[in-house]
Protein backbone atom coordinates (compact mmCIF):
# COMPACT_ATOMS: atom_id res chain seq x y z
CA MET A 1 101.68 -171.58 96.59
CA ASN A 2 98.32 -171.30 96.35
CA GLY A 3 98.23 -170.84 92.76
CA LYS A 4 100.67 -167.46 93.28
CA SER A 5 103.77 -167.22 91.44
CA VAL A 6 106.76 -166.14 93.03
CA LYS A 7 107.67 -162.71 91.37
CA LYS A 8 111.65 -162.64 89.95
CA PRO A 9 113.60 -159.76 91.00
CA GLY A 10 114.71 -157.57 88.04
CA LYS A 11 117.78 -156.25 86.61
CA LEU A 12 117.85 -153.41 88.97
CA GLY A 13 117.28 -155.73 92.00
CA LEU A 14 120.00 -158.55 90.62
CA VAL A 15 122.43 -155.59 90.47
CA LEU A 16 121.10 -154.58 93.95
CA ILE A 17 122.15 -157.71 95.40
CA CYS A 18 125.21 -158.47 93.70
CA VAL A 19 126.80 -155.04 94.62
CA LEU A 20 125.70 -155.82 98.53
CA LEU A 21 126.89 -159.12 98.50
CA ALA A 22 129.90 -157.37 97.04
CA VAL A 23 130.35 -154.80 99.88
CA ALA A 24 129.90 -158.08 102.39
CA VAL A 25 132.46 -159.94 100.90
CA ILE A 26 135.04 -156.81 101.03
CA VAL A 27 134.17 -155.59 104.33
CA ASN A 28 134.82 -159.07 105.91
CA ILE A 29 138.23 -159.79 103.83
CA CYS A 30 139.22 -155.95 105.39
CA CYS A 31 137.85 -157.20 109.14
CA ALA A 32 140.38 -160.02 108.62
CA ALA A 33 143.60 -158.04 107.06
CA PHE A 34 143.08 -155.56 109.93
CA ARG A 35 141.69 -157.26 113.05
CA THR A 36 144.48 -155.87 115.15
CA THR A 37 143.69 -152.98 114.28
CA LEU A 38 140.13 -152.80 114.79
CA ASP A 39 140.63 -154.85 118.02
CA GLN A 40 143.06 -152.12 119.61
CA PHE A 41 140.73 -149.36 118.63
CA LEU A 42 137.36 -150.83 119.39
CA GLY A 43 138.27 -153.22 122.32
CA SER A 44 139.91 -153.87 125.61
CA ARG A 45 141.69 -156.83 124.90
CA ALA A 46 144.56 -155.15 123.36
CA THR A 47 147.74 -154.36 125.22
CA LEU A 48 150.72 -152.62 124.07
CA SER A 49 154.34 -154.72 125.51
CA ASP A 50 156.35 -153.45 128.51
CA GLY A 51 159.20 -152.75 125.97
CA LEU A 52 157.15 -151.04 123.26
CA LEU A 53 155.72 -148.95 126.25
CA LYS A 54 159.53 -148.44 127.08
CA THR A 55 160.39 -147.30 123.59
CA GLY A 56 157.40 -145.27 123.21
CA ASN A 57 157.99 -142.99 126.18
CA THR A 58 161.95 -142.75 125.89
CA LEU A 59 160.60 -141.56 122.40
CA ALA A 60 158.88 -138.30 123.64
CA GLU A 61 161.12 -137.73 126.21
CA VAL A 62 163.70 -137.81 123.45
CA ILE A 63 161.02 -135.34 121.07
CA GLN A 64 161.07 -132.87 124.02
CA GLU A 65 164.50 -132.35 124.78
CA GLU A 66 164.92 -131.65 120.52
CA GLY A 67 161.88 -129.54 120.37
CA THR A 68 162.53 -127.17 123.62
CA VAL A 69 164.11 -124.26 122.48
CA LEU A 70 166.64 -121.80 124.69
CA LEU A 71 165.49 -118.31 123.82
CA ARG A 72 167.64 -116.70 126.44
CA ASN A 73 170.63 -117.92 128.79
CA GLU A 74 171.96 -114.51 130.18
CA ASN A 75 175.33 -114.93 132.40
CA SER A 76 175.10 -118.87 131.42
CA VAL A 77 172.57 -119.37 134.23
CA LEU A 78 171.75 -122.51 132.25
CA PRO A 79 172.62 -125.32 133.16
CA LEU A 80 171.33 -124.65 137.22
CA ASN A 81 174.34 -126.16 139.21
CA LYS A 82 173.98 -129.38 140.30
CA ASP A 83 174.00 -128.16 144.05
CA VAL A 84 170.70 -126.49 143.91
CA LYS A 85 168.38 -129.06 145.08
CA LYS A 86 165.37 -126.16 145.56
CA VAL A 87 163.35 -124.24 143.78
CA ASN A 88 160.56 -121.72 143.39
CA VAL A 89 158.07 -122.10 141.42
CA PHE A 90 155.94 -118.97 139.95
CA GLY A 91 152.92 -118.75 138.15
CA TRP A 92 149.52 -120.42 138.32
CA SER A 93 149.92 -122.18 135.38
CA ALA A 94 152.62 -124.13 136.67
CA THR A 95 149.72 -126.04 138.69
CA GLN A 96 147.58 -127.09 135.58
CA TRP A 97 150.65 -128.09 133.24
CA ILE A 98 149.76 -128.15 129.04
CA THR A 99 150.06 -131.22 127.13
CA GLY A 100 148.36 -130.22 124.23
CA GLY A 101 145.90 -128.07 122.52
CA SER A 102 142.09 -129.73 121.41
CA GLY A 103 140.73 -131.51 118.78
CA SER A 104 143.44 -133.64 116.59
CA GLY A 105 145.95 -131.97 118.81
CA GLN A 106 144.98 -133.02 122.40
CA CYS A 107 146.66 -135.34 124.62
CA ALA A 108 144.62 -137.49 126.38
CA THR A 109 146.54 -137.81 129.85
CA LEU A 110 149.33 -136.64 131.73
CA GLU A 111 151.42 -138.40 133.76
CA VAL A 112 154.20 -136.21 134.33
CA ASP A 113 153.78 -132.26 134.53
CA LEU A 114 157.19 -129.56 135.58
CA LEU A 115 156.43 -130.32 139.32
CA SER A 116 156.68 -134.34 139.48
CA ALA A 117 159.40 -134.04 137.19
CA LEU A 118 161.40 -131.94 139.39
CA LYS A 119 160.30 -134.42 142.38
CA GLU A 120 161.40 -137.34 140.19
CA ALA A 121 164.81 -135.15 139.97
CA GLY A 122 165.36 -135.06 143.58
CA VAL A 123 164.67 -131.02 143.04
CA GLU A 124 162.36 -130.03 145.94
CA TYR A 125 159.90 -126.76 145.04
CA ASN A 126 158.44 -124.50 147.43
CA GLN A 127 155.11 -126.29 148.14
CA SER A 128 153.47 -123.18 149.73
CA LEU A 129 153.99 -121.45 146.28
CA VAL A 130 151.69 -124.58 144.87
CA ASP A 131 149.80 -124.55 147.35
CA MET A 132 148.25 -120.99 147.18
CA TYR A 133 147.84 -121.31 143.66
CA LYS A 134 145.61 -124.94 143.84
CA SER A 135 143.57 -122.40 146.10
CA PHE A 136 143.19 -119.74 143.96
CA LEU A 137 141.97 -122.09 141.38
CA ASP A 138 142.38 -125.67 141.70
CA ASN A 139 141.24 -127.00 137.90
CA ARG A 140 141.41 -125.45 134.66
CA PRO A 141 137.57 -124.30 133.44
CA PHE A 142 136.46 -126.04 130.02
CA THR A 143 138.73 -128.66 129.83
CA GLY A 144 138.07 -132.34 129.37
CA PRO A 145 135.47 -134.20 127.16
CA ARG A 146 132.41 -131.82 126.96
CA GLY A 147 134.94 -128.89 127.35
CA GLY A 148 138.42 -128.13 125.22
CA ALA A 149 137.90 -125.37 122.25
CA LEU A 150 135.91 -127.71 120.05
CA HIS A 151 132.91 -127.38 122.97
CA THR A 152 133.53 -124.05 124.13
CA TYR A 153 133.65 -120.14 122.69
CA PRO A 154 137.33 -118.62 122.66
CA GLU A 155 136.41 -116.62 125.70
CA GLU A 156 135.75 -119.82 127.71
CA PHE A 157 138.76 -122.22 126.78
CA SER A 158 141.18 -119.12 126.52
CA ARG A 159 140.85 -117.87 129.97
CA LEU A 160 143.90 -116.20 132.14
CA TYR A 161 144.03 -117.24 135.25
CA GLU A 162 146.82 -115.46 137.72
CA PRO A 163 146.70 -113.35 140.76
CA SER A 164 148.02 -110.36 141.32
CA ILE A 165 151.77 -110.38 143.22
CA HIS A 166 150.04 -107.35 144.93
CA ASP A 167 146.52 -109.22 146.01
CA GLU A 168 147.71 -109.73 149.91
CA SER A 169 145.07 -112.43 150.13
CA CYS A 170 147.18 -114.50 147.68
CA TYR A 171 150.98 -113.44 148.14
CA THR A 172 151.27 -112.60 151.82
CA GLN A 173 154.30 -110.97 152.99
CA THR A 174 155.25 -114.33 154.91
CA LEU A 175 154.98 -116.15 151.82
CA LEU A 176 156.87 -113.85 149.77
CA ASP A 177 159.48 -114.08 152.82
CA ASP A 178 159.64 -117.86 153.05
CA ALA A 179 159.90 -118.21 149.32
CA LYS A 180 163.42 -115.71 149.16
CA ALA A 181 164.44 -117.82 152.08
CA PHE A 182 163.63 -121.36 150.47
CA SER A 183 165.72 -120.38 146.96
CA ASP A 184 167.43 -118.31 145.62
CA THR A 185 166.06 -119.72 141.79
CA ALA A 186 162.61 -119.06 140.38
CA ILE A 187 160.95 -121.01 137.61
CA VAL A 188 158.11 -118.76 136.58
CA VAL A 189 155.71 -120.47 133.88
CA ILE A 190 153.68 -118.88 131.26
CA GLY A 191 151.16 -121.15 130.22
CA ARG A 192 148.71 -121.03 126.80
CA VAL A 193 146.41 -123.31 125.61
CA ASN A 194 144.58 -123.40 122.38
CA GLY A 195 143.51 -124.86 119.67
CA GLU A 196 141.46 -126.60 116.75
CA SER A 197 138.09 -124.53 115.93
CA ASN A 198 139.06 -121.60 118.23
CA ASP A 199 141.35 -118.43 117.52
CA ALA A 200 143.03 -117.04 119.86
CA PRO A 201 141.24 -114.36 121.48
CA LEU A 202 142.41 -110.56 120.37
CA GLU A 203 141.67 -109.24 124.35
CA GLN A 204 142.32 -111.27 127.18
CA TYR A 205 139.73 -112.68 129.52
CA LYS A 206 141.39 -113.65 132.60
CA GLN A 207 140.73 -114.12 136.72
CA VAL A 208 142.47 -112.31 138.60
CA ALA A 209 140.99 -112.63 142.57
CA ARG A 210 139.96 -115.90 144.12
CA ASP A 211 136.07 -116.48 143.21
CA GLY A 212 136.38 -112.85 141.60
CA ASP A 213 134.18 -112.59 138.05
CA ILE A 214 135.90 -112.45 134.30
CA VAL A 215 137.23 -109.33 133.48
CA VAL A 216 138.37 -108.34 130.31
CA ASP A 217 141.25 -106.26 128.94
CA ASP A 218 141.03 -105.33 125.38
CA SER A 219 144.49 -103.43 125.37
CA ARG A 220 146.29 -106.94 124.96
CA GLY A 221 145.91 -110.02 123.19
CA TYR A 222 145.94 -113.59 124.12
CA LEU A 223 149.37 -114.71 123.08
CA GLU A 224 150.93 -111.47 124.96
CA ILE A 225 151.87 -111.54 128.64
CA SER A 226 148.86 -110.31 130.95
CA THR A 227 149.39 -107.46 133.65
CA GLU A 228 149.23 -109.83 136.36
CA GLU A 229 152.22 -111.68 135.20
CA GLU A 230 154.50 -108.51 133.69
CA GLU A 231 154.48 -107.73 137.53
CA LEU A 232 155.02 -111.52 138.47
CA LEU A 233 158.07 -111.71 135.87
CA THR A 234 158.92 -108.34 137.10
CA TYR A 235 158.95 -109.43 141.15
CA ALA A 236 160.65 -112.56 140.44
CA GLY A 237 163.69 -110.51 138.62
CA GLU A 238 163.98 -107.86 141.39
CA ASN A 239 163.68 -110.70 144.19
CA PHE A 240 165.85 -113.68 142.73
CA GLU A 241 169.21 -114.30 142.02
CA ASN A 242 168.59 -117.27 139.17
CA VAL A 243 165.15 -116.49 137.20
CA ILE A 244 164.14 -118.97 134.53
CA VAL A 245 161.00 -118.34 132.46
CA VAL A 246 159.24 -121.73 131.25
CA VAL A 247 156.74 -120.86 128.08
CA ASN A 248 154.64 -123.98 127.84
CA ASN A 249 152.27 -123.52 125.08
CA THR A 250 150.38 -124.87 122.07
CA ASN A 251 150.85 -121.36 119.63
CA PRO A 252 153.18 -118.65 119.19
CA MET A 253 153.57 -115.98 121.43
CA GLU A 254 155.11 -112.39 121.50
CA LEU A 255 157.59 -112.48 123.82
CA SER A 256 159.26 -108.84 124.10
CA PHE A 257 158.87 -108.89 127.51
CA LEU A 258 161.89 -111.15 127.83
CA GLU A 259 164.25 -108.18 126.57
CA ALA A 260 162.02 -105.70 129.00
CA ILE A 261 161.49 -106.89 132.27
CA PRO A 262 165.21 -106.70 133.75
CA GLY A 263 166.28 -109.65 135.92
CA LEU A 264 165.10 -113.00 133.67
CA ASP A 265 168.22 -114.65 133.23
CA ALA A 266 166.62 -117.65 131.02
CA CYS A 267 163.50 -118.60 128.96
CA LEU A 268 162.86 -122.01 127.74
CA LEU A 269 160.19 -122.66 125.02
CA ALA A 270 159.09 -125.99 125.79
CA GLY A 271 155.34 -125.90 123.66
CA GLY A 272 152.79 -128.59 125.17
CA THR A 273 154.83 -131.65 126.55
CA GLY A 274 152.44 -134.14 125.94
CA ALA A 275 152.09 -137.27 128.64
CA LEU A 276 155.69 -137.39 129.61
CA GLY A 277 157.90 -134.40 127.67
CA ALA A 278 157.81 -132.71 131.39
CA ARG A 279 160.69 -134.59 132.45
CA SER A 280 162.98 -134.06 129.86
CA LEU A 281 162.88 -129.72 131.05
CA VAL A 282 164.29 -130.97 133.72
CA LYS A 283 167.15 -133.00 132.54
CA LEU A 284 167.29 -129.28 130.24
CA LEU A 285 167.12 -126.91 133.04
CA TYR A 286 170.50 -129.16 134.72
CA GLY A 287 172.36 -130.11 131.71
């Protein structure tokens, strides 16, 4: 020791050491007690059994079936006749299906959207219409890990994308004529997505032309239908025998257009369907 004495810790030091030891013991006990949960959250070894996954998937579909609201059903259009094996699906949002909002309300995966659910059920949809919407805009911007309402402004996250029915570069006469020949049943999808940290804008920020600029319509709010959607719904009501509106949204909406636009026979309020819930919509469409 070279003649030097070791300084003993004072009372404050002893208290600090005791607290640290107590914390270490408690943390170890908690880690042992909750090791399975911690492994599932932090590790890659944890897996869910097939039985548990099946039970969860079934529950998700049941929740969607019971949560979907039938807002309108004129002349008992729904359920559709089982012989209706072809449908036209209108609306850009049909190709960018909404599972949930943002933050705590988001859904990490999409396994079944409306289009794939129709296909699973043996119902053919008009692929030409879908291809047109995808060529207009293939993916919803401002989504993904660095997007979402938590990392964008409302005028970015809550944008509307819908080509005008009068835009012949999108809706060619051939496309429209072929749609009428394909099926007399039209499903029109209206989509709205909002989420944690972002209020729905009081204006509409929208892209209405392929590769076009973002325009602002301050006469309508985000939770109202846009001019383009109104024109599309009007066209569908005038040209198809059965018209079903599907509202795929994460917020309440102003839906008086259901009474104002002639020819809209039925409407389902689907909400955000999660990863699998869209499968239940087709079951509801066909009873």
